[in-house]
Amino acid sequence: MMEKNAKIYVAGHRGMVGSAIVRALEKQGYTNIITRTHSQLDLCRQEQVEEFFAKEKPEYVFLAAAKVGGIIANQSALADFMYENMMLEMNVIHSAWKNGCKKLEFLGSSCIYPRMAPQPMKEDCLLTSELEKTNEAYALAKISGLKYCEFLNKQYGTDFISVMPTNLYGPNDNYHPTHSHVLPALIRRFHEAKEQGLTTVTCWGDGSPLREFLYVDDLADLCVFLMNHYSGDETVNAGTGKELSIKELTELVAKVVGYEGEICWDTTKPNGTPRKLLDVSKSAALGWTYKTELEDGIRLAYEDFLHNPMRAER
């Protein structure tokens, strides 16, 4: 268990996941949280990361920093996604081990699992068949981080764990028109359509893919829970165990935002993976389940979008 005054480093504290982890830690009474902005510490620079760890010696590390994006961002910058994620995670995990970090938690993504994995996806289906091509670079980088944690545990007896979240959404999300994930992109699109009085909104694909969504503060709650209650080489899935179609999601976001026009589908655009449901029996067996239902979460996310104009710009 982490002591309330233990030195805890949250990497990526300005992102959606990192900021939620900081909120969860503060809410639970942890008082010694350290953070660094990108300008203060570039995690892709090995020398900077080594100096930081040698000086600060954090006892616990939540590695939530990553270069992330939706289908377009991933497809157009495969090399960047692989290089930046691989470098930052290797630098942080390696320096944490070198400097005697008691425990590190690595945040991955459900896109690490095979494209046609049996559904719902169990943790042990990792590397059993090929990945989804549209985000292969990101997935390979995340698998490498997960495996490096596992190999350090096996070779050096570290207590480094990993958690693989499903699609996330919530406060501090990225609402960029082309570089965001599906749910924040829909929030922005329907909000702007409502503002501009548009009678139709066109969405990508045919609306058939099934997706699972987890509110980011629920994930953060699980991250702190696992840091205190889980050790093991295999990752832990983070999700709700519930799914809905992109069409249903789109209609739900339109409802929450208050857009009453017609929704059209551009079937010349890619759908992405047909289905990505996580098997969450492992986290349930450990004693954790999600709290925020999707419609409630979307309302909270929309509130965040409306009250944080800077976030709507990026």
Protein backbone atom coordinates (compact mmCIF):
# COMPACT_ATOMS: atom_id res chain seq x y z
CA MET A 1 0.00 0.00 0.00
CA MET A 2 1.22 3.51 -0.78
CA GLU A 3 1.76 5.68 2.29
CA LYS A 4 -0.21 8.94 2.15
CA ASN A 5 3.06 10.94 2.14
CA ALA A 6 4.91 8.64 -0.33
CA LYS A 7 6.58 10.47 -3.22
CA ILE A 8 4.42 9.78 -6.27
CA TYR A 9 5.35 10.88 -9.80
CA VAL A 10 2.50 11.17 -12.31
CA ALA A 11 3.95 11.34 -15.83
CA GLY A 12 1.59 13.07 -18.23
CA HIS A 13 -0.34 14.98 -15.55
CA ARG A 14 -1.74 17.51 -18.02
CA GLY A 15 -3.39 14.84 -20.18
CA MET A 16 -6.85 13.42 -19.66
CA VAL A 17 -5.64 10.28 -17.83
CA GLY A 18 -2.79 11.86 -15.88
CA SER A 19 -4.93 14.75 -14.62
CA ALA A 20 -7.62 12.26 -13.52
CA ILE A 21 -5.00 10.22 -11.62
CA VAL A 22 -3.82 13.39 -9.86
CA ARG A 23 -7.46 14.18 -8.93
CA ALA A 24 -7.96 10.63 -7.60
CA LEU A 25 -4.76 10.71 -5.54
CA GLU A 26 -5.59 14.11 -4.03
CA LYS A 27 -9.13 12.99 -3.25
CA GLN A 28 -7.74 9.94 -1.42
CA GLY A 29 -5.38 12.06 0.67
CA TYR A 30 -2.01 11.58 -1.04
CA THR A 31 0.04 14.69 -0.32
CA ASN A 32 3.40 14.28 -2.07
CA ILE A 33 2.58 14.20 -5.80
CA ILE A 34 5.28 15.42 -8.18
CA THR A 35 4.70 16.46 -11.77
CA ARG A 36 6.65 18.06 -14.62
CA THR A 37 5.36 19.79 -17.74
CA HIS A 38 6.78 18.82 -21.14
CA SER A 39 8.85 22.02 -21.23
CA GLN A 40 10.36 21.17 -17.83
CA LEU A 41 11.05 17.52 -18.70
CA ASP A 42 11.04 15.98 -22.19
CA LEU A 43 10.45 12.28 -21.53
CA CYS A 44 11.82 11.40 -24.98
CA ARG A 45 15.25 12.68 -23.88
CA GLN A 46 17.04 9.94 -21.97
CA GLU A 47 19.50 12.24 -20.25
CA GLN A 48 16.74 14.52 -18.92
CA VAL A 49 14.75 11.56 -17.58
CA GLU A 50 17.81 10.03 -15.90
CA GLU A 51 18.67 13.34 -14.22
CA PHE A 52 15.08 13.79 -13.01
CA PHE A 53 14.88 10.30 -11.46
CA ALA A 54 18.35 10.51 -9.90
CA LYS A 55 17.42 13.81 -8.24
CA GLU A 56 13.77 13.17 -7.26
CA LYS A 57 13.81 9.40 -6.53
CA PRO A 58 10.02 8.90 -6.71
CA GLU A 59 8.78 5.84 -4.80
CA TYR A 60 5.77 5.28 -7.07
CA VAL A 61 5.27 6.13 -10.74
CA PHE A 62 2.07 6.34 -12.79
CA LEU A 63 3.18 6.37 -16.42
CA ALA A 64 0.25 8.08 -18.15
CA ALA A 65 2.27 10.14 -20.64
CA ALA A 66 1.78 9.17 -24.29
CA LYS A 67 1.35 10.51 -27.79
CA VAL A 68 -2.28 9.68 -28.58
CA GLY A 69 -4.89 10.30 -31.29
CA GLY A 70 -7.74 8.84 -33.32
CA ILE A 71 -7.71 6.94 -36.64
CA ILE A 72 -6.57 9.91 -38.78
CA ALA A 73 -3.77 10.95 -36.43
CA ASN A 74 -2.51 7.37 -36.11
CA GLN A 75 -2.58 6.64 -39.84
CA SER A 76 -0.86 9.87 -40.86
CA ALA A 77 1.97 9.73 -38.31
CA LEU A 78 2.85 6.06 -37.81
CA ALA A 79 6.57 6.69 -37.33
CA ASP A 80 6.00 9.55 -34.85
CA PHE A 81 3.56 7.48 -32.79
CA MET A 82 6.00 4.59 -32.58
CA TYR A 83 9.12 6.62 -31.84
CA GLU A 84 7.71 9.02 -29.25
CA ASN A 85 5.79 6.40 -27.28
CA MET A 86 8.63 3.88 -27.38
CA MET A 87 11.22 6.43 -26.27
CA LEU A 88 9.29 8.01 -23.43
CA GLU A 89 8.09 4.75 -21.90
CA MET A 90 11.50 3.04 -22.12
CA ASN A 91 13.21 6.07 -20.58
CA VAL A 92 10.75 6.33 -17.68
CA ILE A 93 10.48 2.60 -16.92
CA HIS A 94 14.26 2.10 -17.13
CA SER A 95 15.05 5.10 -14.90
CA ALA A 96 12.38 4.06 -12.38
CA TRP A 97 14.07 0.65 -12.08
CA LYS A 98 17.59 2.12 -11.92
CA ASN A 99 16.56 4.47 -9.11
CA GLY A 100 14.85 1.91 -6.90
CA CYS A 101 11.23 2.87 -7.57
CA LYS A 102 9.01 0.65 -5.35
CA LYS A 103 6.27 0.28 -7.93
CA LEU A 104 5.44 1.56 -11.40
CA GLU A 105 2.12 1.39 -13.20
CA PHE A 106 2.18 1.57 -16.99
CA LEU A 107 -0.93 2.78 -18.84
CA GLY A 108 -1.56 1.11 -22.17
CA SER A 109 -4.61 0.83 -24.41
CA SER A 110 -7.01 -1.87 -25.54
CA CYS A 111 -5.73 -1.39 -29.12
CA ILE A 112 -2.77 -3.64 -28.16
CA TYR A 113 -5.01 -6.68 -28.58
CA PRO A 114 -5.30 -8.52 -31.92
CA ARG A 115 -7.70 -7.09 -34.48
CA MET A 116 -9.83 -10.23 -34.54
CA ALA A 117 -9.37 -11.28 -30.91
CA PRO A 118 -12.13 -13.42 -29.37
CA GLN A 119 -14.71 -11.12 -27.72
CA PRO A 120 -14.76 -10.03 -24.97
CA MET A 121 -10.96 -9.78 -24.95
CA LYS A 122 -9.12 -11.39 -22.08
CA GLU A 123 -5.68 -10.24 -20.99
CA ASP A 124 -4.08 -13.46 -22.25
CA CYS A 125 -5.10 -12.91 -25.90
CA LEU A 126 -2.17 -10.49 -26.27
CA LEU A 127 0.13 -11.37 -29.23
CA THR A 128 -1.98 -14.30 -30.39
CA SER A 129 -2.67 -12.83 -33.87
CA GLU A 130 -2.09 -9.67 -35.94
CA LEU A 131 -2.87 -6.12 -34.87
CA GLU A 132 -5.25 -3.56 -36.36
CA LYS A 133 -3.22 -1.82 -39.10
CA THR A 134 -4.61 1.67 -38.47
CA ASN A 135 -2.96 1.93 -35.05
CA GLU A 136 -0.27 -0.74 -35.31
CA ALA A 137 2.57 1.67 -34.51
CA TYR A 138 0.96 2.85 -31.27
CA ALA A 139 0.03 -0.71 -30.29
CA LEU A 140 3.57 -2.02 -30.87
CA ALA A 141 5.00 0.74 -28.69
CA LYS A 142 2.51 0.02 -25.89
CA ILE A 143 3.11 -3.75 -26.08
CA SER A 144 6.85 -3.05 -25.75
CA GLY A 145 6.30 -0.99 -22.58
CA LEU A 146 4.09 -3.67 -21.06
CA LYS A 147 6.62 -6.38 -21.91
CA TYR A 148 9.55 -4.37 -20.58
CA CYS A 149 7.74 -4.10 -17.23
CA GLU A 150 7.13 -7.86 -17.28
CA PHE A 151 10.76 -8.63 -18.17
CA LEU A 152 12.12 -6.35 -15.42
CA ASN A 153 9.89 -8.17 -12.94
CA LYS A 154 11.23 -11.52 -14.12
CA GLN A 155 14.91 -10.53 -14.35
CA TYR A 156 15.25 -8.05 -11.49
CA GLY A 157 12.30 -8.71 -9.18
CA THR A 158 10.65 -5.32 -9.69
CA ASP A 159 6.95 -4.76 -8.94
CA PHE A 160 5.97 -3.04 -12.20
CA ILE A 161 2.38 -3.49 -13.39
CA SER A 162 0.30 -2.42 -16.37
CA VAL A 163 -3.33 -1.54 -16.98
CA MET A 164 -5.07 -1.52 -20.38
CA PRO A 165 -8.03 0.84 -20.59
CA THR A 166 -10.80 0.70 -23.13
CA ASN A 167 -11.88 3.92 -24.94
CA LEU A 168 -11.73 6.77 -22.44
CA TYR A 169 -13.52 10.09 -22.23
CA GLY A 170 -14.09 12.88 -19.72
CA PRO A 171 -12.54 16.12 -18.40
CA ASN A 172 -9.39 17.36 -20.19
CA ASP A 173 -10.14 15.36 -23.33
CA ASN A 174 -8.82 16.46 -26.72
CA TYR A 175 -11.56 17.97 -28.89
CA HIS A 176 -9.40 18.68 -31.94
CA PRO A 177 -11.47 18.41 -35.16
CA THR A 178 -9.21 15.78 -36.80
CA HIS A 179 -6.87 14.45 -34.09
CA SER A 180 -9.40 13.48 -31.42
CA HIS A 181 -11.06 10.17 -30.58
CA VAL A 182 -14.63 9.36 -31.56
CA LEU A 183 -16.56 10.50 -28.49
CA PRO A 184 -14.97 13.96 -28.02
CA ALA A 185 -15.05 14.44 -31.80
CA LEU A 186 -18.82 13.80 -31.76
CA ILE A 187 -19.33 16.20 -28.85
CA ARG A 188 -17.59 18.96 -30.77
CA ARG A 189 -19.30 18.15 -34.08
CA PHE A 190 -22.83 18.13 -32.67
CA HIS A 191 -22.20 21.22 -30.56
CA GLU A 192 -20.98 23.17 -33.59
CA ALA A 193 -23.85 21.84 -35.74
CA LYS A 194 -26.34 23.00 -33.10
CA GLU A 195 -24.66 26.43 -32.87
CA GLN A 196 -24.65 26.83 -36.65
CA GLY A 197 -28.19 25.51 -37.13
CA LEU A 198 -27.08 22.70 -39.46
CA THR A 199 -29.85 20.32 -40.51
CA THR A 200 -27.55 17.33 -41.09
CA VAL A 201 -24.33 15.96 -39.59
CA THR A 202 -22.24 13.37 -41.47
CA CYS A 203 -20.31 10.74 -39.53
CA TRP A 204 -17.63 8.30 -40.66
CA GLY A 205 -18.30 4.69 -41.63
CA ASP A 206 -21.66 2.96 -41.32
CA GLY A 207 -22.12 3.17 -37.53
CA SER A 208 -21.89 -0.60 -37.05
CA PRO A 209 -18.64 -1.01 -35.04
CA LEU A 210 -19.20 -1.81 -31.38
CA ARG A 211 -17.29 0.14 -28.75
CA GLU A 212 -16.92 0.28 -24.97
CA PHE A 213 -16.35 3.55 -23.10
CA LEU A 214 -14.98 4.21 -19.62
CA TYR A 215 -15.21 7.56 -17.83
CA VAL A 216 -11.67 8.70 -17.08
CA ASP A 217 -12.23 9.32 -13.35
CA ASP A 218 -13.37 5.70 -13.03
CA LEU A 219 -10.11 4.62 -14.69
CA ALA A 220 -8.10 6.81 -12.30
CA ASP A 221 -9.88 5.23 -9.36
CA LEU A 222 -8.90 1.79 -10.70
CA CYS A 223 -5.28 2.92 -11.27
CA VAL A 224 -4.86 3.91 -7.61
CA PHE A 225 -6.69 0.73 -6.53
CA LEU A 226 -4.32 -1.47 -8.58
CA MET A 227 -1.23 0.34 -7.31
CA ASN A 228 -2.35 -0.62 -3.81
CA HIS A 229 -3.86 -4.07 -4.44
CA TYR A 230 -2.34 -5.74 -7.51
CA SER A 231 1.01 -7.24 -8.45
CA GLY A 232 1.67 -9.45 -11.46
CA ASP A 233 3.27 -9.71 -14.89
CA GLU A 234 0.01 -9.84 -16.83
CA THR A 235 -1.83 -6.60 -17.54
CA VAL A 236 -5.27 -5.74 -16.11
CA ASN A 237 -8.10 -4.66 -18.41
CA ALA A 238 -9.95 -1.47 -17.47
CA GLY A 239 -13.47 -1.13 -18.81
CA THR A 240 -17.17 -1.48 -18.13
CA GLY A 241 -17.78 -4.78 -19.89
CA LYS A 242 -20.61 -3.05 -21.80
CA GLU A 243 -20.66 -2.00 -25.46
CA LEU A 244 -22.82 -0.09 -27.90
CA SER A 245 -22.66 0.62 -31.62
CA ILE A 246 -21.09 3.82 -32.94
CA LYS A 247 -24.58 4.62 -34.32
CA GLU A 248 -26.08 4.33 -30.82
CA LEU A 249 -23.23 6.38 -29.37
CA THR A 250 -23.75 9.08 -32.00
CA GLU A 251 -27.46 9.30 -31.20
CA LEU A 252 -26.69 9.47 -27.46
CA VAL A 253 -24.18 12.32 -27.90
CA ALA A 254 -26.65 14.21 -30.14
CA LYS A 255 -29.29 13.80 -27.42
CA VAL A 256 -27.01 15.07 -24.64
CA VAL A 257 -25.80 18.02 -26.71
CA GLY A 258 -29.35 18.82 -27.83
CA TYR A 259 -28.81 18.46 -31.59
CA GLU A 260 -32.08 17.60 -33.33
CA GLY A 261 -31.02 17.40 -37.01
CA GLU A 262 -30.44 14.35 -39.18
CA ILE A 263 -27.39 12.05 -38.83
CA CYS A 264 -25.94 10.75 -42.13
CA TRP A 265 -23.20 8.16 -42.67
CA ASP A 266 -20.26 8.35 -45.10
CA THR A 267 -19.63 4.68 -45.87
CA THR A 268 -16.54 5.50 -47.98
CA LYS A 269 -14.71 6.24 -44.71
CA PRO A 270 -13.14 3.51 -42.53
CA ASN A 271 -14.93 1.90 -39.61
CA GLY A 272 -11.82 0.72 -37.76
CA THR A 273 -11.92 -2.51 -35.75
CA PRO A 274 -15.41 -4.13 -35.84
CA ARG A 275 -15.56 -4.85 -32.11
CA LYS A 276 -13.34 -4.10 -29.09
CA LEU A 277 -14.94 -5.27 -25.86
CA LEU A 278 -12.72 -5.99 -22.88
CA ASP A 279 -13.24 -8.89 -20.53
CA VAL A 280 -13.23 -7.12 -17.15
CA SER A 281 -13.61 -10.20 -14.95
CA LYS A 282 -10.05 -9.80 -13.64
CA SER A 283 -10.58 -6.32 -12.17
CA ALA A 284 -14.00 -7.45 -10.87
CA ALA A 285 -12.35 -10.42 -9.11
CA LEU A 286 -9.90 -7.99 -7.50
CA GLY A 287 -12.89 -6.07 -6.15
CA TRP A 288 -13.32 -3.13 -8.54
CA THR A 289 -16.16 -2.05 -10.85
CA TYR A 290 -16.87 1.18 -12.72
CA LYS A 291 -19.32 3.78 -11.33
CA THR A 292 -20.25 6.21 -14.13
CA GLU A 293 -22.89 5.21 -16.69
CA LEU A 294 -22.28 6.41 -20.25
CA GLU A 295 -25.06 9.01 -20.57
CA ASP A 296 -24.10 10.58 -17.22
CA GLY A 297 -20.44 10.58 -18.27
CA ILE A 298 -21.21 12.22 -21.61
CA ARG A 299 -23.12 14.98 -19.76
CA LEU A 300 -20.08 15.58 -17.56
CA ALA A 301 -17.78 15.58 -20.60
CA TYR A 302 -20.02 18.05 -22.44
CA GLU A 303 -19.99 20.33 -19.37
CA ASP A 304 -16.19 20.19 -19.46
CA PHE A 305 -16.18 21.02 -23.18
CA LEU A 306 -18.49 24.02 -22.65
CA HIS A 307 -16.62 25.46 -19.69
CA ASN A 308 -13.09 24.98 -20.97
CA PRO A 309 -12.83 27.01 -24.20
CA MET A 310 -9.09 26.34 -24.51
CA ARG A 311 -9.73 22.62 -24.70
CA ALA A 312 -12.17 23.14 -27.53
CA GLU A 313 -9.41 24.81 -29.54
CA ARG A 314 -6.66 22.24 -29.45
